[in-house]
Each structure stands twice: as structure tokens, then as C-alpha cells.
Amino acid sequence: MRGQWFPGNMARALHQLKEDLKLVDLVLELLDARIPASSRNPVLTRLIGGKRRLILLHKADRGEPEMNARWLSFFQQQHQEALPFSVHTPRSAVNLLKYLQRQGQALRRGRIRRPLRLMVAGIPNVGKSTLINFLVKGAPARTGNCPGITRGRQWIRLLPGVELLDTPGVLWPHISERTAMPLAVVGALPAARLDLQEMSLWLLAAFLERNSEAALLKRYPGLKPGDPAAMLEQIGAISGFLQATGKIDLERAAARLLSDFQNGRLGRLTLEAPPE
């Protein structure tokens, strides 16, 4: 799948990331709380090596609280520091800033008399620019819902004694179909790469498996849970998506379902559980 998921600009970004890692003391590794396993770049994990990192379970307000706690416990058992984070949860921002302040103070108490230098790293559309904008309250890092919108490199003075290097989001060369589906459903892969209806059926099956139909019923009144294919047709009918022939426009129904999920309109749902 290299040609499909790993365009030349991603290869260049990965090479630059390798060079940038030499400049920083700490890596903030962002994972999507809804898909912590699939949103973790194994190439990035290998490149970081023994350098200190803090895993941020980003968009934690869209993951199930119990599952967030299970994932944090899993990372702690792996001797990896991890915190939940959401730009919509002020407490998580306070906890992150306190952590960075402690790290900066510890560095300056040692033999190094310079600011703590850190990097935010993660796959496209995991929320890197949103995080940076939130922390620096409007610094010029662009944000958007299209994977790869952040370009270039910039140092940002995050706190007194803390400097941050922004980096483009990067995918890895070989993505399995199993990983591609959750990545695409949360918006980390371009939707055009996969079939919208297939993605929506996968997502509906996940809601049923997690017994989270209530959120769907609230968003689509009158929906009857059951077979995902039948549910997608109902969503199209409820939304008024009819073709000229009178048939349900399943493509528009799928697009709406995915948009509602990606924008948090379907409540909190975690699509992956940590290893036992």
C-alpha cells in the first residue's frame, strides 16, 4: 500500500522528523483517544527510541471515560507517561502545562541552561495544530479537518523556558486494511481512499458492538437498530436523502454519518480496546 498511503511529501516529512528529533528533549506523541492503537505510528515509535516522550490521549472527550482510563493504565504498565487531553476540557490543559513546567524546571536545575525543547508528533489530523493553537492561544499554526493541512516547521515559545517545534503529521509506509478502516473513519485518511458506505457500515457495526445505539437514536429519531445496512438506509430516509428515482441516496447517508461521528455529534465512542 505504499503508493496509496505514503506519498512523496510524507516520505520527506518523515526524513525531516528524524532530523528534528535530534533538536528536542521531549516528544509529545498525540494519539486519537477513539483509536489509540491505529493512530500510533510504529515508525515514529522506533525513531523516538529512548528519548523521553509523553503520550497525549487526544480528543479524550470523544472517547468513553472507562476506555480512556483503561488505555492510560495500559501505557503506564508499559512504563510510558500518558495523559488524557482535550481542548474542550480545561483541566487537561492545566495538567499538561504543569507537566511541561516541571520538565523545564528540572532541565534548568541540571547542567543545561536553556529552555526545554519539545516536539508535538502524530499522524495527520490527530489534532496537532489544534493543540498548539490552544496552548499558545492563537499562535499562527493552521488547523482544519483535512489530513496534512499543517505544513512547514516553526518554533513556538510555549511557556517561559519551554519551546515547541511544530512538525507535519506523518503516516507510515505500509498500512493494513485493518488499520486503514479506523484511521479513515476518524478522518486521518482521505475519505476518497475508501468506500464511504463500507466505512459507515463498519462504524455502525462498532456502535452495535459497544451497545452505544442510544447516541444514534438521539441523532436520528426513529432509527431502529439492527442490521447496519438497513440502519444506513434508515439514516438516509430520516435525513431526506432521496435520489431522483426515489431511492435512498446511501452515499449521502454514509457521508452524514461519518461527518456526525468525526465532529462529535454521536456522543463518546472508543473503537479500540487496549491489549489484555
Protein backbone atom coordinates (compact mmCIF):
# COMPACT_ATOMS: atom_id res chain seq x y z
CA MET A 1 0.00 0.00 0.00
CA ARG A 2 2.99 2.32 -0.11
CA GLY A 3 1.85 4.11 -3.26
CA GLN A 4 -1.66 4.54 -1.86
CA TRP A 5 -0.96 5.85 1.64
CA PHE A 6 2.61 7.15 1.54
CA PRO A 7 3.02 9.98 -1.00
CA GLY A 8 6.38 11.67 -1.55
CA ASN A 9 5.63 14.57 0.79
CA MET A 10 5.09 12.07 3.63
CA ALA A 11 8.47 10.49 2.94
CA ARG A 12 10.12 13.90 3.08
CA ALA A 13 8.28 14.79 6.28
CA LEU A 14 9.45 11.56 7.88
CA HIS A 15 13.06 12.32 6.92
CA GLN A 16 12.74 15.83 8.39
CA LEU A 17 11.16 14.41 11.53
CA LYS A 18 14.20 12.19 12.02
CA GLU A 19 16.44 15.26 11.88
CA ASP A 20 14.19 17.33 14.15
CA LEU A 21 14.24 14.66 16.85
CA LYS A 22 17.92 15.48 17.39
CA LEU A 23 16.95 19.01 18.45
CA VAL A 24 14.39 18.27 21.16
CA ASP A 25 14.39 16.96 24.73
CA LEU A 26 10.80 15.73 24.86
CA VAL A 27 8.26 14.38 22.37
CA LEU A 28 4.53 14.92 22.87
CA GLU A 29 3.06 11.97 20.99
CA LEU A 30 -0.58 12.56 20.12
CA LEU A 31 -2.94 9.61 19.75
CA ASP A 32 -6.63 9.74 18.94
CA ALA A 33 -8.49 8.54 22.05
CA ARG A 34 -11.04 6.79 19.83
CA ILE A 35 -8.36 4.67 18.11
CA PRO A 36 -5.20 4.73 20.26
CA ALA A 37 -3.71 1.63 18.61
CA SER A 38 -4.39 2.52 14.98
CA SER A 39 -3.37 6.17 15.42
CA ARG A 40 0.06 5.25 16.77
CA ASN A 41 2.76 5.47 14.12
CA PRO A 42 5.13 2.49 14.56
CA VAL A 43 7.83 4.27 12.55
CA LEU A 44 7.64 7.25 14.91
CA THR A 45 7.84 4.93 17.90
CA ARG A 46 11.03 3.42 16.50
CA LEU A 47 12.55 6.82 15.67
CA ILE A 48 11.88 8.25 19.13
CA GLY A 49 13.74 5.33 20.66
CA GLY A 50 14.90 6.13 24.18
CA LYS A 51 14.12 9.85 24.01
CA ARG A 52 11.66 10.99 26.64
CA ARG A 53 8.05 11.15 25.49
CA LEU A 54 4.64 11.99 26.87
CA ILE A 55 1.67 10.29 25.23
CA LEU A 56 -1.38 12.52 24.97
CA LEU A 57 -4.66 10.69 24.54
CA HIS A 58 -6.10 13.49 22.44
CA LYS A 59 -9.82 14.13 21.89
CA ALA A 60 -10.36 12.29 25.16
CA ASP A 61 -13.80 13.94 25.40
CA ARG A 62 -14.85 11.81 22.41
CA GLY A 63 -13.59 8.54 23.86
CA GLU A 64 -15.50 6.61 26.51
CA PRO A 65 -14.29 7.57 30.02
CA GLU A 66 -13.84 3.95 31.09
CA MET A 67 -11.86 3.13 27.95
CA ASN A 68 -9.73 6.26 28.35
CA ALA A 69 -8.82 5.06 31.84
CA ARG A 70 -8.01 1.58 30.54
CA TRP A 71 -5.71 2.95 27.86
CA LEU A 72 -3.90 5.23 30.32
CA SER A 73 -3.41 2.26 32.63
CA PHE A 74 -2.08 0.21 29.72
CA PHE A 75 0.52 2.84 28.84
CA GLN A 76 1.56 3.18 32.48
CA GLN A 77 2.06 -0.58 32.66
CA GLN A 78 4.36 -0.19 29.65
CA HIS A 79 6.33 2.42 31.66
CA GLN A 80 5.19 5.20 29.31
CA GLU A 81 3.94 8.52 30.65
CA ALA A 82 0.46 9.35 29.38
CA LEU A 83 -2.24 11.97 29.98
CA PRO A 84 -5.76 12.46 28.63
CA PHE A 85 -6.23 15.68 26.70
CA SER A 86 -8.97 17.69 25.02
CA VAL A 87 -9.09 21.35 24.05
CA HIS A 88 -12.65 21.31 25.41
CA THR A 89 -11.54 20.17 28.88
CA PRO A 90 -9.65 22.97 30.68
CA ARG A 91 -8.40 20.64 33.41
CA SER A 92 -6.45 18.56 30.91
CA ALA A 93 -4.71 21.69 29.58
CA VAL A 94 -3.78 22.71 33.13
CA ASN A 95 -2.32 19.26 33.82
CA LEU A 96 -0.26 19.37 30.62
CA LEU A 97 1.11 22.85 31.32
CA LYS A 98 2.08 21.85 34.85
CA TYR A 99 3.86 18.79 33.46
CA LEU A 100 5.82 20.91 30.96
CA GLN A 101 6.72 23.45 33.63
CA ARG A 102 8.09 20.69 35.86
CA GLN A 103 10.14 19.29 32.99
CA GLY A 104 11.53 22.72 32.13
CA GLN A 105 12.45 23.43 35.74
CA ALA A 106 14.15 20.05 36.07
CA LEU A 107 16.21 20.74 32.93
CA ARG A 108 17.36 24.14 34.16
CA ARG A 109 18.29 22.74 37.56
CA GLY A 110 20.74 20.47 35.79
CA ARG A 111 23.80 21.32 33.76
CA ILE A 112 21.79 22.55 30.74
CA ARG A 113 20.96 26.26 30.91
CA ARG A 114 18.49 26.59 28.08
CA PRO A 115 14.75 26.22 27.51
CA LEU A 116 13.15 22.79 27.37
CA ARG A 117 12.70 21.95 23.70
CA LEU A 118 9.83 19.73 22.74
CA MET A 119 8.07 18.42 19.67
CA VAL A 120 4.44 17.55 19.00
CA ALA A 121 4.26 14.49 16.76
CA GLY A 122 1.48 12.34 15.40
CA ILE A 123 -0.37 11.18 12.32
CA PRO A 124 -2.28 13.68 10.13
CA ASN A 125 -5.50 15.11 11.57
CA VAL A 126 -4.87 13.78 15.06
CA GLY A 127 -5.18 17.36 16.35
CA LYS A 128 -1.60 18.65 16.49
CA SER A 129 -2.28 22.16 15.25
CA THR A 130 -5.43 22.42 17.33
CA LEU A 131 -3.41 21.51 20.42
CA ILE A 132 -0.68 24.02 19.63
CA ASN A 133 -3.14 26.83 18.89
CA PHE A 134 -4.97 26.12 22.12
CA LEU A 135 -1.83 26.10 24.25
CA VAL A 136 -0.33 29.26 22.79
CA LYS A 137 -3.74 30.98 22.46
CA GLY A 138 -3.69 31.87 18.80
CA ALA A 139 -0.13 31.35 17.59
CA PRO A 140 -0.04 31.03 13.77
CA ALA A 141 -0.39 27.28 13.31
CA ARG A 142 -3.22 26.50 10.91
CA THR A 143 -5.89 23.95 11.75
CA GLY A 144 -8.52 22.12 9.73
CA ASN A 145 -10.28 18.83 9.15
CA CYS A 146 -8.28 17.83 6.08
CA PRO A 147 -5.32 15.49 6.71
CA GLY A 148 -1.98 17.17 6.10
CA ILE A 149 -3.14 20.81 6.31
CA THR A 150 -0.22 21.74 8.58
CA ARG A 151 2.89 22.45 6.54
CA GLY A 152 6.40 23.67 7.23
CA ARG A 153 8.26 23.95 10.54
CA GLN A 154 8.18 26.57 13.25
CA TRP A 155 9.47 27.06 16.78
CA ILE A 156 6.89 28.38 19.20
CA ARG A 157 7.61 29.85 22.65
CA LEU A 158 5.03 27.88 24.57
CA LEU A 159 5.91 28.92 28.14
CA PRO A 160 8.78 30.73 29.81
CA GLY A 161 11.58 28.20 29.48
CA VAL A 162 9.67 25.93 27.11
CA GLU A 163 10.00 26.00 23.32
CA LEU A 164 8.00 23.85 20.93
CA LEU A 165 8.80 22.68 17.41
CA ASP A 166 5.80 22.00 15.21
CA THR A 167 6.11 19.18 12.67
CA PRO A 168 3.87 17.88 9.87
CA GLY A 169 1.79 14.79 10.59
CA VAL A 170 3.21 11.66 9.01
CA LEU A 171 1.80 8.25 8.17
CA TRP A 172 3.90 5.14 7.73
CA PRO A 173 4.72 3.28 4.51
CA HIS A 174 2.59 0.16 4.95
CA ILE A 175 -0.91 0.41 6.41
CA SER A 176 -3.01 -2.72 6.63
CA GLU A 177 -6.68 -2.73 5.66
CA ARG A 178 -7.49 -3.45 9.30
CA THR A 179 -5.74 -0.26 10.40
CA ALA A 180 -6.87 1.80 7.41
CA MET A 181 -10.56 1.50 8.29
CA PRO A 182 -10.42 3.07 11.79
CA LEU A 183 -7.99 5.73 10.51
CA ALA A 184 -10.37 6.65 7.72
CA VAL A 185 -13.45 6.62 9.97
CA VAL A 186 -11.93 9.26 12.30
CA GLY A 187 -10.71 11.31 9.33
CA ALA A 188 -6.98 10.57 9.42
CA LEU A 189 -7.02 9.16 5.88
CA PRO A 190 -8.67 10.88 2.92
CA ALA A 191 -12.23 9.53 2.61
CA ALA A 192 -11.75 9.14 -1.13
CA ARG A 193 -9.29 6.34 -0.49
CA LEU A 194 -12.02 4.06 0.90
CA ASP A 195 -15.66 3.43 0.11
CA LEU A 196 -17.92 5.71 2.19
CA GLN A 197 -20.64 3.12 2.52
CA GLU A 198 -18.19 0.45 3.63
CA MET A 199 -16.80 2.87 6.23
CA SER A 200 -20.27 3.74 7.50
CA LEU A 201 -21.30 0.08 7.82
CA TRP A 202 -18.11 -0.61 9.78
CA LEU A 203 -18.88 2.31 12.09
CA LEU A 204 -22.49 1.26 12.64
CA ALA A 205 -21.32 -2.26 13.48
CA ALA A 206 -18.94 -0.73 16.04
CA PHE A 207 -21.81 1.19 17.68
CA LEU A 208 -23.83 -2.02 17.92
CA GLU A 209 -20.89 -3.99 19.30
CA ARG A 210 -20.31 -1.36 22.00
CA ASN A 211 -24.06 -1.18 22.82
CA SER A 212 -23.98 2.54 22.04
CA GLU A 213 -27.15 2.73 19.96
CA ALA A 214 -28.61 5.43 22.24
CA ALA A 215 -26.39 8.09 20.67
CA LEU A 216 -27.57 7.09 17.20
CA LEU A 217 -31.23 7.16 18.25
CA LYS A 218 -30.78 10.64 19.69
CA ARG A 219 -29.21 11.94 16.48
CA TYR A 220 -31.54 10.10 14.10
CA PRO A 221 -35.01 9.92 15.73
CA GLY A 222 -36.96 6.88 14.64
CA LEU A 223 -33.91 4.79 13.78
CA LYS A 224 -34.35 1.10 14.53
CA PRO A 225 -31.09 -0.66 15.48
CA GLY A 226 -30.37 -3.93 13.73
CA ASP A 227 -28.59 -4.77 10.53
CA PRO A 228 -26.06 -1.99 9.68
CA ALA A 229 -27.13 -1.92 6.02
CA ALA A 230 -30.76 -1.41 7.00
CA MET A 231 -29.73 1.24 9.52
CA LEU A 232 -27.84 3.19 6.85
CA GLU A 233 -30.93 3.19 4.66
CA GLN A 234 -32.98 4.46 7.58
CA ILE A 235 -30.48 7.26 8.23
CA GLY A 236 -30.81 8.27 4.59
CA ALA A 237 -34.59 8.28 4.82
CA ILE A 238 -34.63 10.20 8.12
CA SER A 239 -32.25 12.76 6.62
CA GLY A 240 -34.35 13.13 3.48
CA PHE A 241 -31.60 11.94 1.16
CA LEU A 242 -33.59 10.73 -1.84
CA GLN A 243 -32.39 10.32 -5.40
CA ALA A 244 -34.46 11.42 -8.41
CA THR A 245 -35.62 7.81 -8.77
CA GLY A 246 -37.00 7.84 -5.24
CA LYS A 247 -34.32 5.51 -3.89
CA ILE A 248 -32.31 6.34 -0.78
CA ASP A 249 -29.04 8.13 -1.53
CA LEU A 250 -26.79 5.83 0.52
CA GLU A 251 -23.67 7.79 -0.37
CA ARG A 252 -25.04 10.97 1.21
CA ALA A 253 -26.32 8.99 4.18
CA ALA A 254 -22.87 7.49 4.72
CA ALA A 255 -21.21 10.91 4.40
CA ARG A 256 -23.54 12.37 7.01
CA LEU A 257 -22.99 9.53 9.47
CA LEU A 258 -19.21 9.83 9.18
CA SER A 259 -19.33 13.61 9.50
CA ASP A 260 -21.53 13.38 12.58
CA PHE A 261 -19.12 10.92 14.19
CA GLN A 262 -15.97 12.88 13.33
CA ASN A 263 -17.48 16.10 14.70
CA GLY A 264 -18.60 14.55 17.99
CA ARG A 265 -22.34 14.64 17.30
CA LEU A 266 -22.78 10.94 18.07
CA GLY A 267 -21.52 11.01 21.62
CA ARG A 268 -18.46 9.27 23.02
CA LEU A 269 -17.26 6.05 21.43
CA THR A 270 -13.91 4.27 21.63
CA LEU A 271 -13.33 1.95 18.69
CA GLU A 272 -10.34 0.05 20.10
CA ALA A 273 -9.65 -1.58 23.44
CA PRO A 274 -6.14 -1.94 24.90
CA PRO A 275 -4.45 -5.36 24.75
CA GLU A 276 -5.33 -7.61 27.67
